[in-house]
Amino acid sequence: MLDFDLGFNAGAVDAARVPFSGALGVAPFQGPEPPNRPSFERVDGFNLSHSGISYVADGWPAYDQLMVALGDERSPVLVSARILACRVRDDKDDRTRYEVQCEFDKWHT
């Protein structure tokens, strides 16, 4: 469980990223089988690279490994990932939101 602020200096985090504002699903992943559909939480994507993805969440993640569901909800592309970093966002509203940065591990198609 992540209970401290991880730095954003890891190599995978520095990979070229592009804005990504689509919705995606995330769920804790313990392997080897993907989690069932109700386990996924809908979150807002923030940016994407060939090696990982960042998303915005309402809470600090309670796990280190996750499954990311990308694309169409009816037949998503699944990829396992590990959380590299998490930090409080500087949003201008009254809500505390977190930016979670992940590195892709394995595609589960």
PDB file of N, CA and C in Angstrom:
ATOM      1  N   MET A   1       0.843  -1.174   0.000  1.00  0.00           N
ATOM      2  CA  MET A   1       0.000   0.000   0.000  1.00  0.00           C
ATOM      3  C   MET A   1       0.888   1.237   0.000  1.00  0.00           C
ATOM      4  N   LEU A   2       0.548   2.199  -0.833  1.00  0.00           N
ATOM      5  CA  LEU A   2       1.298   3.452  -0.866  1.00  0.00           C
ATOM      6  C   LEU A   2       0.817   4.342   0.264  1.00  0.00           C
ATOM      7  N   ASP A   3       1.712   4.720   1.136  1.00  0.00           N
ATOM      8  CA  ASP A   3       1.322   5.608   2.221  1.00  0.00           C
ATOM      9  C   ASP A   3       2.280   6.776   2.356  1.00  0.00           C
ATOM     10  N   PHE A   4       3.023   7.061   1.292  1.00  0.00           N
ATOM     11  CA  PHE A   4       3.928   8.200   1.289  1.00  0.00           C
ATOM     12  C   PHE A   4       3.996   8.757  -0.117  1.00  0.00           C
ATOM     13  N   ASP A   5       4.404  10.011  -0.254  1.00  0.00           N
ATOM     14  CA  ASP A   5       4.481  10.674  -1.541  1.00  0.00           C
ATOM     15  C   ASP A   5       5.706  10.186  -2.291  1.00  0.00           C
ATOM     16  N   LEU A   6       5.485   9.588  -3.462  1.00  0.00           N
ATOM     17  CA  LEU A   6       6.594   9.136  -4.280  1.00  0.00           C
ATOM     18  C   LEU A   6       7.023  10.254  -5.207  1.00  0.00           C
ATOM     19  N   GLY A   7       8.304  10.357  -5.480  1.00  0.00           N
ATOM     20  CA  GLY A   7       8.805  11.393  -6.371  1.00  0.00           C
ATOM     21  C   GLY A   7       8.439  11.139  -7.814  1.00  0.00           C
ATOM     22  N   PHE A   8       8.484  12.153  -8.641  1.00  0.00           N
ATOM     23  CA  PHE A   8       8.168  12.059 -10.048  1.00  0.00           C
ATOM     24  C   PHE A   8       9.438  12.016 -10.887  1.00  0.00           C
ATOM     25  N   ASN A   9      10.542  11.501 -10.355  1.00  0.00           N
ATOM     26  CA  ASN A   9      11.804  11.504 -11.073  1.00  0.00           C
ATOM     27  C   ASN A   9      12.143  10.169 -11.713  1.00  0.00           C
ATOM     28  N   ALA A  10      11.281   9.184 -11.616  1.00  0.00           N
ATOM     29  CA  ALA A  10      11.558   7.869 -12.191  1.00  0.00           C
ATOM     30  C   ALA A  10      11.631   7.970 -13.708  1.00  0.00           C
ATOM     31  N   GLY A  11      12.461   7.143 -14.351  1.00  0.00           N
ATOM     32  CA  GLY A  11      12.671   7.196 -15.783  1.00  0.00           C
ATOM     33  C   GLY A  11      11.403   7.062 -16.601  1.00  0.00           C
ATOM     34  N   ALA A  12      10.525   6.126 -16.250  1.00  0.00           N
ATOM     35  CA  ALA A  12       9.300   5.926 -17.022  1.00  0.00           C
ATOM     36  C   ALA A  12       8.392   7.147 -16.953  1.00  0.00           C
ATOM     37  N   VAL A  13       8.431   7.863 -15.850  1.00  0.00           N
ATOM     38  CA  VAL A  13       7.610   9.057 -15.713  1.00  0.00           C
ATOM     39  C   VAL A  13       8.090  10.138 -16.664  1.00  0.00           C
ATOM     40  N   ASP A  14       9.383  10.139 -16.969  1.00  0.00           N
ATOM     41  CA  ASP A  14       9.954  11.159 -17.834  1.00  0.00           C
ATOM     42  C   ASP A  14       9.739  10.878 -19.313  1.00  0.00           C
ATOM     43  N   ALA A  15       9.171   9.727 -19.677  1.00  0.00           N
ATOM     44  CA  ALA A  15       8.928   9.412 -21.081  1.00  0.00           C
ATOM     45  C   ALA A  15       7.998  10.457 -21.685  1.00  0.00           C
ATOM     46  N   ALA A  16       8.122  10.687 -22.978  1.00  0.00           N
ATOM     47  CA  ALA A  16       7.287  11.671 -23.668  1.00  0.00           C
ATOM     48  C   ALA A  16       5.817  11.334 -23.459  1.00  0.00           C
ATOM     49  N   ARG A  17       5.081  12.269 -22.927  1.00  0.00           N
ATOM     50  CA  ARG A  17       3.667  12.064 -22.646  1.00  0.00           C
ATOM     51  C   ARG A  17       2.845  13.072 -23.414  1.00  0.00           C
ATOM     52  N   VAL A  18       1.643  12.664 -23.787  1.00  0.00           N
ATOM     53  CA  VAL A  18       0.713  13.535 -24.490  1.00  0.00           C
ATOM     54  C   VAL A  18      -0.553  13.652 -23.651  1.00  0.00           C
ATOM     55  N   PRO A  19      -1.259  14.777 -23.766  1.00  0.00           N
ATOM     56  CA  PRO A  19      -2.509  14.914 -23.011  1.00  0.00           C
ATOM     57  C   PRO A  19      -3.489  13.809 -23.387  1.00  0.00           C
ATOM     58  N   PHE A  20      -4.186  13.312 -22.390  1.00  0.00           N
ATOM     59  CA  PHE A  20      -5.199  12.279 -22.583  1.00  0.00           C
ATOM     60  C   PHE A  20      -6.320  12.569 -21.605  1.00  0.00           C
ATOM     61  N   SER A  21      -7.473  12.956 -22.119  1.00  0.00           N
ATOM     62  CA  SER A  21      -8.556  13.353 -21.222  1.00  0.00           C
ATOM     63  C   SER A  21      -9.730  12.378 -21.222  1.00  0.00           C
ATOM     64  N   GLY A  22      -9.528  11.185 -21.725  1.00  0.00           N
ATOM     65  CA  GLY A  22     -10.597  10.198 -21.746  1.00  0.00           C
ATOM     66  C   GLY A  22     -10.780   9.494 -20.419  1.00  0.00           C
ATOM     67  N   ALA A  23     -11.916   8.851 -20.278  1.00  0.00           N
ATOM     68  CA  ALA A  23     -12.188   8.058 -19.079  1.00  0.00           C
ATOM     69  C   ALA A  23     -11.543   6.685 -19.240  1.00  0.00           C
ATOM     70  N   LEU A  24     -11.144   6.103 -18.131  1.00  0.00           N
ATOM     71  CA  LEU A  24     -10.595   4.755 -18.122  1.00  0.00           C
ATOM     72  C   LEU A  24     -10.989   4.099 -16.817  1.00  0.00           C
ATOM     73  N   GLY A  25     -10.769   2.809 -16.740  1.00  0.00           N
ATOM     74  CA  GLY A  25     -11.068   2.075 -15.519  1.00  0.00           C
ATOM     75  C   GLY A  25      -9.785   1.615 -14.862  1.00  0.00           C
ATOM     76  N   VAL A  26      -9.752   1.626 -13.546  1.00  0.00           N
ATOM     77  CA  VAL A  26      -8.611   1.099 -12.793  1.00  0.00           C
ATOM     78  C   VAL A  26      -9.132   0.205 -11.674  1.00  0.00           C
ATOM     79  N   ALA A  27      -8.387  -0.855 -11.411  1.00  0.00           N
ATOM     80  CA  ALA A  27      -8.749  -1.793 -10.348  1.00  0.00           C
ATOM     81  C   ALA A  27      -7.476  -2.368  -9.756  1.00  0.00           C
ATOM     82  N   PRO A  28      -7.499  -2.713  -8.473  1.00  0.00           N
ATOM     83  CA  PRO A  28      -6.346  -3.403  -7.895  1.00  0.00           C
ATOM     84  C   PRO A  28      -6.086  -4.679  -8.681  1.00  0.00           C
ATOM     85  N   PHE A  29      -4.812  -5.029  -8.851  1.00  0.00           N
ATOM     86  CA  PHE A  29      -4.464  -6.219  -9.612  1.00  0.00           C
ATOM     87  C   PHE A  29      -3.456  -7.045  -8.834  1.00  0.00           C
ATOM     88  N   GLN A  30      -3.809  -8.303  -8.594  1.00  0.00           N
ATOM     89  CA  GLN A  30      -2.934  -9.207  -7.872  1.00  0.00           C
ATOM     90  C   GLN A  30      -2.448 -10.333  -8.775  1.00  0.00           C
ATOM     91  N   GLY A  31      -2.990 -10.406 -10.026  1.00  0.00           N
ATOM     92  CA  GLY A  31      -2.587 -11.388 -11.016  1.00  0.00           C
ATOM     93  C   GLY A  31      -2.934 -12.798 -10.612  1.00  0.00           C
ATOM     94  N   PRO A  32      -2.860 -13.750 -11.487  1.00  0.00           N
ATOM     95  CA  PRO A  32      -2.542 -13.566 -12.899  1.00  0.00           C
ATOM     96  C   PRO A  32      -3.763 -13.200 -13.740  1.00  0.00           C
ATOM     97  N   GLU A  33      -4.972 -13.430 -13.239  1.00  0.00           N
ATOM     98  CA  GLU A  33      -6.191 -13.131 -13.998  1.00  0.00           C
ATOM     99  C   GLU A  33      -6.644 -11.691 -13.743  1.00  0.00           C
ATOM    100  N   PRO A  34      -7.185 -11.028 -14.773  1.00  0.00           N
ATOM    101  CA  PRO A  34      -7.710  -9.672 -14.583  1.00  0.00           C
ATOM    102  C   PRO A  34      -8.862  -9.653 -13.577  1.00  0.00           C
ATOM    103  N   PRO A  35      -9.042  -8.540 -12.875  1.00  0.00           N
ATOM    104  CA  PRO A  35     -10.167  -8.411 -11.929  1.00  0.00           C
ATOM    105  C   PRO A  35     -11.496  -8.456 -12.674  1.00  0.00           C
ATOM    106  N   ASN A  36     -12.573  -8.767 -11.947  1.00  0.00           N
ATOM    107  CA  ASN A  36     -13.885  -8.776 -12.576  1.00  0.00           C
ATOM    108  C   ASN A  36     -14.352  -7.345 -12.829  1.00  0.00           C
ATOM    109  N   ARG A  37     -15.285  -7.197 -13.744  1.00  0.00           N
ATOM    110  CA  ARG A  37     -15.743  -5.877 -14.204  1.00  0.00           C
ATOM    111  C   ARG A  37     -16.194  -4.941 -13.071  1.00  0.00           C
ATOM    112  N   PRO A  38     -16.953  -5.407 -12.068  1.00  0.00           N
ATOM    113  CA  PRO A  38     -17.383  -4.498 -10.997  1.00  0.00           C
ATOM    114  C   PRO A  38     -16.220  -3.939 -10.154  1.00  0.00           C
ATOM    115  N   SER A  39     -15.041  -4.538 -10.245  1.00  0.00           N
ATOM    116  CA  SER A  39     -13.891  -4.068  -9.464  1.00  0.00           C
ATOM    117  C   SER A  39     -13.290  -2.767  -9.996  1.00  0.00           C
ATOM    118  N   PHE A  40     -13.606  -2.434 -11.248  1.00  0.00           N
ATOM    119  CA  PHE A  40     -13.005  -1.251 -11.873  1.00  0.00           C
ATOM    120  C   PHE A  40     -13.703   0.031 -11.444  1.00  0.00           C
ATOM    121  N   GLU A  41     -12.896   1.026 -11.139  1.00  0.00           N
ATOM    122  CA  GLU A  41     -13.373   2.370 -10.801  1.00  0.00           C
ATOM    123  C   GLU A  41     -13.117   3.258 -12.009  1.00  0.00           C
ATOM    124  N   ARG A  42     -14.089   4.063 -12.377  1.00  0.00           N
ATOM    125  CA  ARG A  42     -13.927   4.997 -13.495  1.00  0.00           C
ATOM    126  C   ARG A  42     -13.154   6.225 -13.009  1.00  0.00           C
ATOM    127  N   VAL A  43     -12.102   6.570 -13.736  1.00  0.00           N
ATOM    128  CA  VAL A  43     -11.286   7.745 -13.414  1.00  0.00           C
ATOM    129  C   VAL A  43     -11.036   8.531 -14.702  1.00  0.00           C
ATOM    130  N   ASP A  44     -10.575   9.758 -14.556  1.00  0.00           N
ATOM    131  CA  ASP A  44     -10.270  10.612 -15.697  1.00  0.00           C
ATOM    132  C   ASP A  44      -8.796  10.520 -16.049  1.00  0.00           C
ATOM    133  N   GLY A  45      -8.504  10.206 -17.311  1.00  0.00           N
ATOM    134  CA  GLY A  45      -7.129  10.186 -17.775  1.00  0.00           C
ATOM    135  C   GLY A  45      -6.542  11.586 -17.760  1.00  0.00           C
ATOM    136  N   PHE A  46      -5.230  11.671 -17.603  1.00  0.00           N
ATOM    137  CA  PHE A  46      -4.544  12.957 -17.562  1.00  0.00           C
ATOM    138  C   PHE A  46      -3.529  13.053 -18.699  1.00  0.00           C
ATOM    139  N   ASN A  47      -2.667  12.042 -18.828  1.00  0.00           N
ATOM    140  CA  ASN A  47      -1.758  11.975 -19.962  1.00  0.00           C
ATOM    141  C   ASN A  47      -1.352  10.536 -20.218  1.00  0.00           C
ATOM    142  N   LEU A  48      -0.731  10.323 -21.381  1.00  0.00           N
ATOM    143  CA  LEU A  48      -0.444   8.979 -21.850  1.00  0.00           C
ATOM    144  C   LEU A  48       0.894   8.977 -22.575  1.00  0.00           C
ATOM    145  N   SER A  49       1.641   7.889 -22.446  1.00  0.00           N
ATOM    146  CA  SER A  49       2.869   7.696 -23.213  1.00  0.00           C
ATOM    147  C   SER A  49       2.928   6.239 -23.642  1.00  0.00           C
ATOM    148  N   HIS A  50       3.959   5.870 -24.379  1.00  0.00           N
ATOM    149  CA  HIS A  50       4.103   4.478 -24.802  1.00  0.00           C
ATOM    150  C   HIS A  50       4.365   3.559 -23.609  1.00  0.00           C
ATOM    151  N   SER A  51       4.836   4.114 -22.509  1.00  0.00           N
ATOM    152  CA  SER A  51       5.205   3.281 -21.361  1.00  0.00           C
ATOM    153  C   SER A  51       4.282   3.411 -20.159  1.00  0.00           C
ATOM    154  N   GLY A  52       3.301   4.319 -20.207  1.00  0.00           N
ATOM    155  CA  GLY A  52       2.444   4.464 -19.044  1.00  0.00           C
ATOM    156  C   GLY A  52       1.318   5.460 -19.227  1.00  0.00           C
ATOM    157  N   ILE A  53       0.601   5.669 -18.151  1.00  0.00           N
ATOM    158  CA  ILE A  53      -0.553   6.562 -18.152  1.00  0.00           C
ATOM    159  C   ILE A  53      -0.657   7.249 -16.805  1.00  0.00           C
ATOM    160  N   SER A  54      -1.226   8.431 -16.802  1.00  0.00           N
ATOM    161  CA  SER A  54      -1.531   9.149 -15.568  1.00  0.00           C
ATOM    162  C   SER A  54      -3.027   9.390 -15.521  1.00  0.00           C
ATOM    163  N   TYR A  55      -3.569   9.356 -14.323  1.00  0.00           N
ATOM    164  CA  TYR A  55      -4.990   9.637 -14.173  1.00  0.00           C
ATOM    165  C   TYR A  55      -5.220  10.470 -12.921  1.00  0.00           C
ATOM    166  N   VAL A  56      -6.402  11.071 -12.877  1.00  0.00           N
ATOM    167  CA  VAL A  56      -6.793  11.905 -11.748  1.00  0.00           C
ATOM    168  C   VAL A  56      -7.798  11.126 -10.914  1.00  0.00           C
ATOM    169  N   ALA A  57      -7.565  11.082  -9.611  1.00  0.00           N
ATOM    170  CA  ALA A  57      -8.432  10.325  -8.711  1.00  0.00           C
ATOM    171  C   ALA A  57      -8.850  11.181  -7.524  1.00  0.00           C
ATOM    172  N   ASP A  58      -9.962  10.810  -6.917  1.00  0.00           N
ATOM    173  CA  ASP A  58     -10.448  11.517  -5.730  1.00  0.00           C
ATOM    174  C   ASP A  58      -9.717  11.095  -4.468  1.00  0.00           C
ATOM    175  N   GLY A  59      -9.052   9.941  -4.492  1.00  0.00           N
ATOM    176  CA  GLY A  59      -8.366   9.445  -3.306  1.00  0.00           C
ATOM    177  C   GLY A  59      -6.994   8.892  -3.629  1.00  0.00           C
ATOM    178  N   TRP A  60      -6.199   8.777  -2.603  1.00  0.00           N
ATOM    179  CA  TRP A  60      -4.857   8.188  -2.713  1.00  0.00           C
ATOM    180  C   TRP A  60      -5.022   6.698  -2.984  1.00  0.00           C
ATOM    181  N   PRO A  61      -4.311   6.128  -3.955  1.00  0.00           N
ATOM    182  CA  PRO A  61      -4.483   4.698  -4.244  1.00  0.00           C
ATOM    183  C   PRO A  61      -4.098   3.829  -3.050  1.00  0.00           C
ATOM    184  N   ALA A  62      -4.862   2.767  -2.839  1.00  0.00           N
ATOM    185  CA  ALA A  62      -4.620   1.859  -1.713  1.00  0.00           C
ATOM    186  C   ALA A  62      -3.862   0.617  -2.160  1.00  0.00           C
ATOM    187  N   TYR A  63      -3.268   0.655  -3.342  1.00  0.00           N
ATOM    188  CA  TYR A  63      -2.564  -0.501  -3.885  1.00  0.00           C
ATOM    189  C   TYR A  63      -1.405  -0.025  -4.758  1.00  0.00           C
ATOM    190  N   ASP A  64      -0.457  -0.920  -5.008  1.00  0.00           N
ATOM    191  CA  ASP A  64       0.728  -0.593  -5.811  1.00  0.00           C
ATOM    192  C   ASP A  64       0.615  -1.094  -7.249  1.00  0.00           C
ATOM    193  N   GLN A  65      -0.118  -2.180  -7.456  1.00  0.00           N
ATOM    194  CA  GLN A  65      -0.314  -2.772  -8.774  1.00  0.00           C
ATOM    195  C   GLN A  65      -1.765  -2.583  -9.181  1.00  0.00           C
ATOM    196  N   LEU A  66      -2.010  -2.307 -10.460  1.00  0.00           N
ATOM    197  CA  LEU A  66      -3.373  -2.123 -10.903  1.00  0.00           C
ATOM    198  C   LEU A  66      -3.562  -2.653 -12.308  1.00  0.00           C
ATOM    199  N   MET A  67      -4.821  -2.816 -12.664  1.00  0.00           N
ATOM    200  CA  MET A  67      -5.210  -3.165 -14.020  1.00  0.00           C
ATOM    201  C   MET A  67      -5.896  -1.931 -14.578  1.00  0.00           C
ATOM    202  N   VAL A  68      -5.498  -1.530 -15.773  1.00  0.00           N
ATOM    203  CA  VAL A  68      -6.077  -0.375 -16.445  1.00  0.00           C
ATOM    204  C   VAL A  68      -6.919  -0.880 -17.606  1.00  0.00           C
ATOM    205  N   ALA A  69      -8.150  -0.390 -17.706  1.00  0.00           N
ATOM    206  CA  ALA A  69      -9.046  -0.731 -18.810  1.00  0.00           C
ATOM    207  C   ALA A  69      -9.146   0.489 -19.722  1.00  0.00           C
ATOM    208  N   LEU A  70      -8.697   0.335 -20.957  1.00  0.00           N
ATOM    209  CA  LEU A  70      -8.697   1.419 -21.943  1.00  0.00           C
ATOM    210  C   LEU A  70      -9.679   1.117 -23.058  1.00  0.00           C
ATOM    211  N   GLY A  71     -10.241   2.161 -23.639  1.00  0.00           N
ATOM    212  CA  GLY A  71     -11.100   1.983 -24.805  1.00  0.00           C
ATOM    213  C   GLY A  71     -12.548   1.758 -24.446  1.00  0.00           C
ATOM    214  N   ASP A  72     -13.230   1.050 -25.325  1.00  0.00           N
ATOM    215  CA  ASP A  72     -14.658   0.790 -25.217  1.00  0.00           C
ATOM    216  C   ASP A  72     -14.981  -0.021 -23.965  1.00  0.00           C
ATOM    217  N   GLU A  73     -15.961   0.425 -23.202  1.00  0.00           N
ATOM    218  CA  GLU A  73     -16.352  -0.276 -21.973  1.00  0.00           C
ATOM    219  C   GLU A  73     -16.817  -1.700 -22.241  1.00  0.00           C
ATOM    220  N   ARG A  74     -17.407  -1.960 -23.411  1.00  0.00           N
ATOM    221  CA  ARG A  74     -17.932  -3.293 -23.721  1.00  0.00           C
ATOM    222  C   ARG A  74     -16.824  -4.299 -24.000  1.00  0.00           C
ATOM    223  N   SER A  75     -15.705  -3.835 -24.533  1.00  0.00           N
ATOM    224  CA  SER A  75     -14.580  -4.728 -24.811  1.00  0.00           C
ATOM    225  C   SER A  75     -13.271  -3.955 -24.627  1.00  0.00           C
ATOM    226  N   PRO A  76     -12.946  -3.615 -23.384  1.00  0.00           N
ATOM    227  CA  PRO A  76     -11.754  -2.789 -23.135  1.00  0.00           C
ATOM    228  C   PRO A  76     -10.457  -3.558 -23.385  1.00  0.00           C
ATOM    229  N   VAL A  77      -9.423  -2.796 -23.648  1.00  0.00           N
ATOM    230  CA  VAL A  77      -8.071  -3.329 -23.703  1.00  0.00           C
ATOM    231  C   VAL A  77      -7.547  -3.246 -22.273  1.00  0.00           C
ATOM    232  N   LEU A  78      -7.029  -4.354 -21.762  1.00  0.00           N
ATOM    233  CA  LEU A  78      -6.546  -4.405 -20.385  1.00  0.00           C
ATOM    234  C   LEU A  78      -5.024  -4.445 -20.357  1.00  0.00           C
ATOM    235  N   VAL A  79      -4.453  -3.666 -19.460  1.00  0.00           N
ATOM    236  CA  VAL A  79      -3.011  -3.664 -19.279  1.00  0.00           C
ATOM    237  C   VAL A  79      -2.722  -3.542 -17.781  1.00  0.00           C
ATOM    238  N   SER A  80      -1.832  -4.390 -17.293  1.00  0.00           N
ATOM    239  CA  SER A  80      -1.434  -4.273 -15.888  1.00  0.00           C
ATOM    240  C   SER A  80      -0.363  -3.201 -15.799  1.00  0.00           C
ATOM    241  N   ALA A  81      -0.282  -2.579 -14.643  1.00  0.00           N
ATOM    242  CA  ALA A  81       0.653  -1.469 -14.445  1.00  0.00           C
ATOM    243  C   ALA A  81       1.036  -1.382 -12.979  1.00  0.00           C
ATOM    244  N   ARG A  82       2.105  -0.670 -12.728  1.00  0.00           N
ATOM    245  CA  ARG A  82       2.480  -0.392 -11.340  1.00  0.00           C
ATOM    246  C   ARG A  82       2.471   1.110 -11.143  1.00  0.00           C
ATOM    247  N   ILE A  83       2.100   1.526  -9.960  1.00  0.00           N
ATOM    248  CA  ILE A  83       2.054   2.948  -9.638  1.00  0.00           C
ATOM    249  C   ILE A  83       3.467   3.419  -9.333  1.00  0.00           C
ATOM    250  N   LEU A  84       3.888   4.449 -10.049  1.00  0.00           N
ATOM    251  CA  LEU A  84       5.218   5.029  -9.847  1.00  0.00           C
ATOM    252  C   LEU A  84       5.185   6.235  -8.919  1.00  0.00           C
ATOM    253  N   ALA A  85       4.110   7.000  -8.993  1.00  0.00           N
ATOM    254  CA  ALA A  85       4.067   8.245  -8.246  1.00  0.00           C
ATOM    255  C   ALA A  85       2.629   8.675  -8.011  1.00  0.00           C
ATOM    256  N   CYS A  86       2.446   9.447  -6.960  1.00  0.00           N
ATOM    257  CA  CYS A  86       1.144  10.019  -6.645  1.00  0.00           C
ATOM    258  C   CYS A  86       1.397  11.337  -5.922  1.00  0.00           C
ATOM    259  N   ARG A  87       0.619  12.347  -6.296  1.00  0.00           N
ATOM    260  CA  ARG A  87       0.766  13.642  -5.628  1.00  0.00           C
ATOM    261  C   ARG A  87      -0.561  14.382  -5.633  1.00  0.00           C
ATOM    262  N   VAL A  88      -0.692  15.309  -4.711  1.00  0.00           N
ATOM    263  CA  VAL A  88      -1.879  16.154  -4.649  1.00  0.00           C
ATOM    264  C   VAL A  88      -1.808  17.141  -5.804  1.00  0.00           C
ATOM    265  N   ARG A  89      -2.915  17.302  -6.518  1.00  0.00           N
ATOM    266  CA  ARG A  89      -2.975  18.250  -7.639  1.00  0.00           C
ATOM    267  C   ARG A  89      -3.190  19.671  -7.134  1.00  0.00           C
ATOM    268  N   ASP A  90      -2.832  20.619  -7.963  1.00  0.00           N
ATOM    269  CA  ASP A  90      -2.988  22.039  -7.641  1.00  0.00           C
ATOM    270  C   ASP A  90      -4.267  22.614  -8.236  1.00  0.00           C
ATOM    271  N   ASP A  91      -5.338  21.846  -8.246  1.00  0.00           N
ATOM    272  CA  ASP A  91      -6.593  22.324  -8.825  1.00  0.00           C
ATOM    273  C   ASP A  91      -7.109  23.523  -8.057  1.00  0.00           C
ATOM    274  N   LYS A  92      -7.874  24.363  -8.755  1.00  0.00           N
ATOM    275  CA  LYS A  92      -8.376  25.600  -8.165  1.00  0.00           C
ATOM    276  C   LYS A  92      -9.688  25.429  -7.394  1.00  0.00           C
ATOM    277  N   ASP A  93     -10.290  24.255  -7.463  1.00  0.00           N
ATOM    278  CA  ASP A  93     -11.547  24.067  -6.735  1.00  0.00           C
ATOM    279  C   ASP A  93     -11.271  23.611  -5.297  1.00  0.00           C
ATOM    280  N   ASP A  94     -12.318  23.371  -4.549  1.00  0.00           N
ATOM    281  CA  ASP A  94     -12.184  23.028  -3.134  1.00  0.00           C
ATOM    282  C   ASP A  94     -11.909  21.549  -2.891  1.00  0.00           C
ATOM    283  N   ARG A  95     -11.997  20.728  -3.931  1.00  0.00           N
ATOM    284  CA  ARG A  95     -11.775  19.285  -3.777  1.00  0.00           C
ATOM    285  C   ARG A  95     -10.291  18.962  -3.798  1.00  0.00           C
ATOM    286  N   THR A  96      -9.910  18.001  -2.996  1.00  0.00           N
ATOM    287  CA  THR A  96      -8.546  17.481  -3.060  1.00  0.00           C
ATOM    288  C   THR A  96      -8.549  16.342  -4.062  1.00  0.00           C
ATOM    289  N   ARG A  97      -7.719  16.458  -5.091  1.00  0.00           N
ATOM    290  CA  ARG A  97      -7.618  15.445  -6.126  1.00  0.00           C
ATOM    291  C   ARG A  97      -6.156  15.024  -6.238  1.00  0.00           C
ATOM    292  N   TYR A  98      -5.939  13.835  -6.751  1.00  0.00           N
ATOM    293  CA  TYR A  98      -4.594  13.265  -6.831  1.00  0.00           C
ATOM    294  C   TYR A  98      -4.247  12.896  -8.266  1.00  0.00           C
ATOM    295  N   GLU A  99      -3.012  13.128  -8.655  1.00  0.00           N
ATOM    296  CA  GLU A  99      -2.504  12.678  -9.939  1.00  0.00           C
ATOM    297  C   GLU A  99      -1.700  11.410  -9.685  1.00  0.00           C
ATOM    298  N   VAL A 100      -2.101  10.329 -10.326  1.00  0.00           N
ATOM    299  CA  VAL A 100      -1.470   9.033 -10.142  1.00  0.00           C
ATOM    300  C   VAL A 100      -0.766   8.672 -11.455  1.00  0.00           C
ATOM    301  N   GLN A 101       0.540   8.417 -11.391  1.00  0.00           N
ATOM    302  CA  GLN A 101       1.305   8.073 -12.586  1.00  0.00           C
ATOM    303  C   GLN A 101       1.691   6.600 -12.531  1.00  0.00           C
ATOM    304  N   CYS A 102       1.457   5.909 -13.648  1.00  0.00           N
ATOM    305  CA  CYS A 102       1.641   4.466 -13.710  1.00  0.00           C
ATOM    306  C   CYS A 102       2.536   4.071 -14.887  1.00  0.00           C
ATOM    307  N   GLU A 103       3.244   2.973 -14.703  1.00  0.00           N
ATOM    308  CA  GLU A 103       4.061   2.386 -15.763  1.00  0.00           C
ATOM    309  C   GLU A 103       3.421   1.072 -16.189  1.00  0.00           C
ATOM    310  N   PHE A 104       3.185   0.929 -17.511  1.00  0.00           N
ATOM    311  CA  PHE A 104       2.598  -0.307 -18.026  1.00  0.00           C
ATOM    312  C   PHE A 104       3.547  -1.475 -17.785  1.00  0.00           C
ATOM    313  N   ASP A 105       2.930  -2.646 -17.516  1.00  0.00           N
ATOM    314  CA  ASP A 105       3.696  -3.849 -17.258  1.00  0.00           C
ATOM    315  C   ASP A 105       3.466  -4.884 -18.350  1.00  0.00           C
ATOM    316  N   LYS A 106       2.187  -5.299 -18.524  1.00  0.00           N
ATOM    317  CA  LYS A 106       1.880  -6.364 -19.470  1.00  0.00           C
ATOM    318  C   LYS A 106       0.481  -6.155 -20.050  1.00  0.00           C
ATOM    319  N   TRP A 107       0.358  -6.330 -21.355  1.00  0.00           N
ATOM    320  CA  TRP A 107      -0.932  -6.235 -22.022  1.00  0.00           C
ATOM    321  C   TRP A 107      -1.683  -7.546 -21.848  1.00  0.00           C
ATOM    322  N   HIS A 108      -2.953  -7.479 -21.494  1.00  0.00           N
ATOM    323  CA  HIS A 108      -3.784  -8.661 -21.265  1.00  0.00           C
ATOM    324  C   HIS A 108      -4.911  -8.637 -22.298  1.00  0.00           C
ATOM    325  N   THR A 109      -4.651  -9.146 -23.476  1.00  0.00           N
ATOM    326  CA  THR A 109      -5.658  -9.090 -24.540  1.00  0.00           C
ATOM    327  C   THR A 109      -6.203 -10.456 -24.848  1.00  0.00           C
TER     328      THR A 109
END
